[in-house]
């Protein structure tokens, strides 16, 4: 496949005055509260369900449907609280999330890579040319990270 497919969008956001450890906790423990479904980028045809991370390396990233069916989205490859999370995300892709202190805030950066292993005609690409697909996917991560920031802000303001 063309080398232009090596990576997908890289998205970053500052998560309201939360420490890296707290931002990691919100990202992982509260994923069902801030991750919003997207009609294009869903994990199962019956989405949305409830998302969850099993909190350890080798654990699963899952979606539990209303009928109780648990769908494994991917396995956790790296679990370093407050620093880094890496997990598989179906279709042989990988999501890496890093947490970095920037002043009184934490920068959360997501890199979702491996799309070069997913054929152009695969349903996950929705028929989009590569550049458009990667841009749309990056825009979705921006929406997700904005929701993460909002959720972190609500939690932080309640603790103040």
Protein backbone atom coordinates (compact mmCIF):
# COMPACT_ATOMS: atom_id res chain seq x y z
CA UNK A 1 0.00 0.00 0.00
CA UNK A 2 1.13 3.56 -0.52
CA UNK A 3 3.42 4.98 2.14
CA UNK A 4 1.09 7.99 2.51
CA UNK A 5 -1.19 5.72 4.54
CA UNK A 6 1.30 5.26 7.37
CA UNK A 7 -0.52 7.30 10.01
CA UNK A 8 -3.83 8.90 10.63
CA UNK A 9 -4.75 12.11 12.35
CA UNK A 10 -2.89 13.26 15.40
CA UNK A 11 -5.10 15.27 17.72
CA UNK A 12 -4.29 17.09 20.92
CA UNK A 13 -6.14 19.15 23.47
CA UNK A 14 -5.40 20.61 26.88
CA UNK A 15 -7.61 18.93 29.45
CA UNK A 16 -8.75 21.54 31.94
CA UNK A 17 -6.49 21.97 34.93
CA UNK A 18 -6.18 18.28 35.64
CA UNK A 19 -2.90 16.58 36.43
CA UNK A 20 -1.67 13.95 33.96
CA UNK A 21 -2.69 11.24 36.45
CA UNK A 22 -6.21 12.68 36.73
CA UNK A 23 -6.50 13.19 32.95
CA UNK A 24 -5.48 9.54 32.43
CA UNK A 25 -8.07 8.45 35.00
CA UNK A 26 -10.80 10.51 33.31
CA UNK A 27 -9.80 9.18 29.88
CA UNK A 28 -9.90 5.55 31.01
CA UNK A 29 -12.30 5.23 33.95
CA UNK A 30 -14.84 7.76 32.67
CA UNK A 31 -14.66 6.84 28.98
CA UNK A 32 -18.39 5.99 28.89
CA UNK A 33 -19.20 9.50 30.11
CA UNK A 34 -17.25 11.59 27.59
CA UNK A 35 -16.87 9.38 24.47
CA UNK A 36 -19.75 10.21 22.16
CA UNK A 37 -20.90 7.89 19.38
CA UNK A 38 -20.27 8.81 15.76
CA UNK A 39 -22.37 7.27 12.99
CA UNK A 40 -19.30 6.89 10.75
CA UNK A 41 -16.85 5.59 13.32
CA UNK A 42 -18.69 3.09 15.46
CA UNK A 43 -17.45 -0.22 16.74
CA UNK A 44 -20.52 -2.40 16.14
CA UNK A 45 -23.57 -2.13 13.89
CA UNK A 46 -25.71 -1.92 17.03
CA UNK A 47 -23.78 0.89 18.70
CA UNK A 48 -23.90 2.83 20.88
CA UNK A 49 -23.18 0.74 23.91
CA UNK A 50 -21.16 1.48 27.03
CA UNK A 51 -17.40 1.71 26.60
CA UNK A 52 -14.91 0.50 29.21
CA UNK A 53 -11.21 -0.15 29.67
CA UNK A 54 -9.99 -3.05 31.79
CA UNK A 55 -7.32 -1.15 33.76
CA UNK A 56 -4.14 -3.08 33.00
CA UNK A 57 -1.82 -4.11 30.19
CA UNK A 58 -3.43 -6.96 28.31
CA UNK A 59 -6.87 -5.79 29.43
CA UNK A 60 -9.65 -5.17 26.96
CA UNK A 61 -11.25 -2.04 25.55
CA UNK A 62 -14.90 -3.07 25.22
CA UNK A 63 -18.34 -1.90 24.25
CA UNK A 64 -21.25 -3.48 26.13
CA UNK A 65 -24.52 -3.34 24.23
CA UNK A 66 -27.93 -2.82 25.84
CA UNK A 67 -28.67 -6.57 25.53
CA UNK A 68 -25.54 -7.39 27.58
CA UNK A 69 -23.38 -8.49 24.65
CA UNK A 70 -19.76 -7.45 25.15
CA UNK A 71 -17.79 -6.57 22.03
CA UNK A 72 -14.00 -6.44 22.33
CA UNK A 73 -12.71 -3.41 20.44
CA UNK A 74 -9.06 -4.07 21.21
CA UNK A 75 -6.44 -5.00 23.79
CA UNK A 76 -4.49 -2.62 25.98
CA UNK A 77 -0.85 -2.77 24.93
CA UNK A 78 0.58 -0.11 27.26
CA UNK A 79 -0.96 1.05 30.56
CA UNK A 80 1.19 3.73 32.18
CA UNK A 81 -1.14 5.85 34.35
CA UNK A 82 -0.52 9.56 33.98
CA UNK A 83 1.82 9.06 31.04
CA UNK A 84 0.71 6.81 28.21
CA UNK A 85 -2.04 4.48 27.04
CA UNK A 86 -1.83 2.35 23.90
CA UNK A 87 -4.65 0.11 22.74
CA UNK A 88 -5.69 -1.77 19.64
CA UNK A 89 -8.77 -0.46 17.92
CA UNK A 90 -10.18 -3.04 15.54
CA UNK A 91 -9.07 -3.21 11.91
CA UNK A 92 -5.45 -3.69 13.09
CA UNK A 93 -5.09 -0.04 14.03
CA UNK A 94 -3.55 1.30 17.21
CA UNK A 95 -4.36 4.32 19.35
CA UNK A 96 -1.63 5.95 21.44
CA UNK A 97 -2.63 8.55 24.02
CA UNK A 98 -0.02 10.59 25.88
CA UNK A 99 -0.50 12.90 28.87
CA UNK A 100 1.94 15.78 29.29
CA UNK A 101 2.03 18.58 31.85
CA UNK A 102 1.79 22.04 30.29
CA UNK A 103 1.67 24.67 33.04
CA UNK A 104 -1.31 23.91 35.29
CA UNK A 105 -2.93 21.79 32.59
CA UNK A 106 -2.35 18.51 30.83
CA UNK A 107 -1.94 18.14 27.11
CA UNK A 108 -3.64 14.96 25.87
CA UNK A 109 -2.37 13.83 22.48
CA UNK A 110 -3.93 11.03 20.45
CA UNK A 111 -2.26 9.34 17.50
CA UNK A 112 -4.38 6.72 15.76
CA UNK A 113 -2.10 4.82 13.41
CA UNK A 114 -2.10 1.73 11.27
CA UNK A 115 -4.67 2.69 8.68
CA UNK A 116 -2.21 1.60 6.00
CA UNK A 117 -3.13 -1.99 6.97
CA UNK A 118 -6.82 -1.36 6.22
CA UNK A 119 -7.64 -1.72 2.50
CA UNK A 120 -9.17 1.27 0.71
CA UNK A 121 -12.36 -0.70 0.04
CA UNK A 122 -12.84 -1.76 3.68
CA UNK A 123 -16.15 -0.70 5.23
CA UNK A 124 -14.29 1.18 7.99
CA UNK A 125 -13.15 3.74 5.39
CA UNK A 126 -16.72 4.44 4.19
CA UNK A 127 -15.57 4.83 0.59
CA UNK A 128 -13.63 8.01 1.36
CA UNK A 129 -10.32 8.67 -0.38
CA UNK A 130 -7.49 8.32 2.14
CA UNK A 131 -6.87 12.04 2.72
CA UNK A 132 -10.56 12.75 3.36
CA UNK A 133 -10.96 9.69 5.58
CA UNK A 134 -7.97 10.67 7.72
CA UNK A 135 -9.19 14.26 8.00
CA UNK A 136 -12.71 13.14 9.05
CA UNK A 137 -11.26 10.69 11.55
CA UNK A 138 -8.99 13.41 12.98
CA UNK A 139 -11.98 15.75 13.28
CA UNK A 140 -13.83 13.08 15.24
CA UNK A 141 -10.89 12.71 17.63
CA UNK A 142 -10.97 16.51 18.09
CA UNK A 143 -14.65 16.27 19.09
CA UNK A 144 -13.86 13.43 21.50
CA UNK A 145 -10.97 15.30 23.09
CA UNK A 146 -13.12 18.43 23.47
CA UNK A 147 -15.68 16.28 25.31
CA UNK A 148 -12.88 14.89 27.48
CA UNK A 149 -11.82 18.45 28.32
CA UNK A 150 -15.43 19.40 29.18
CA UNK A 151 -15.80 16.35 31.41
CA UNK A 152 -12.49 17.08 33.14
CA UNK A 153 -13.55 20.71 33.68
CA UNK A 154 -16.83 19.65 35.28
CA UNK A 155 -15.03 17.31 37.63
CA UNK A 156 -12.36 19.88 38.48
CA UNK A 157 -14.89 22.64 39.17
CA UNK A 158 -16.93 20.33 41.44
CA UNK A 159 -13.80 19.57 43.52
CA UNK A 160 -12.87 23.23 43.92
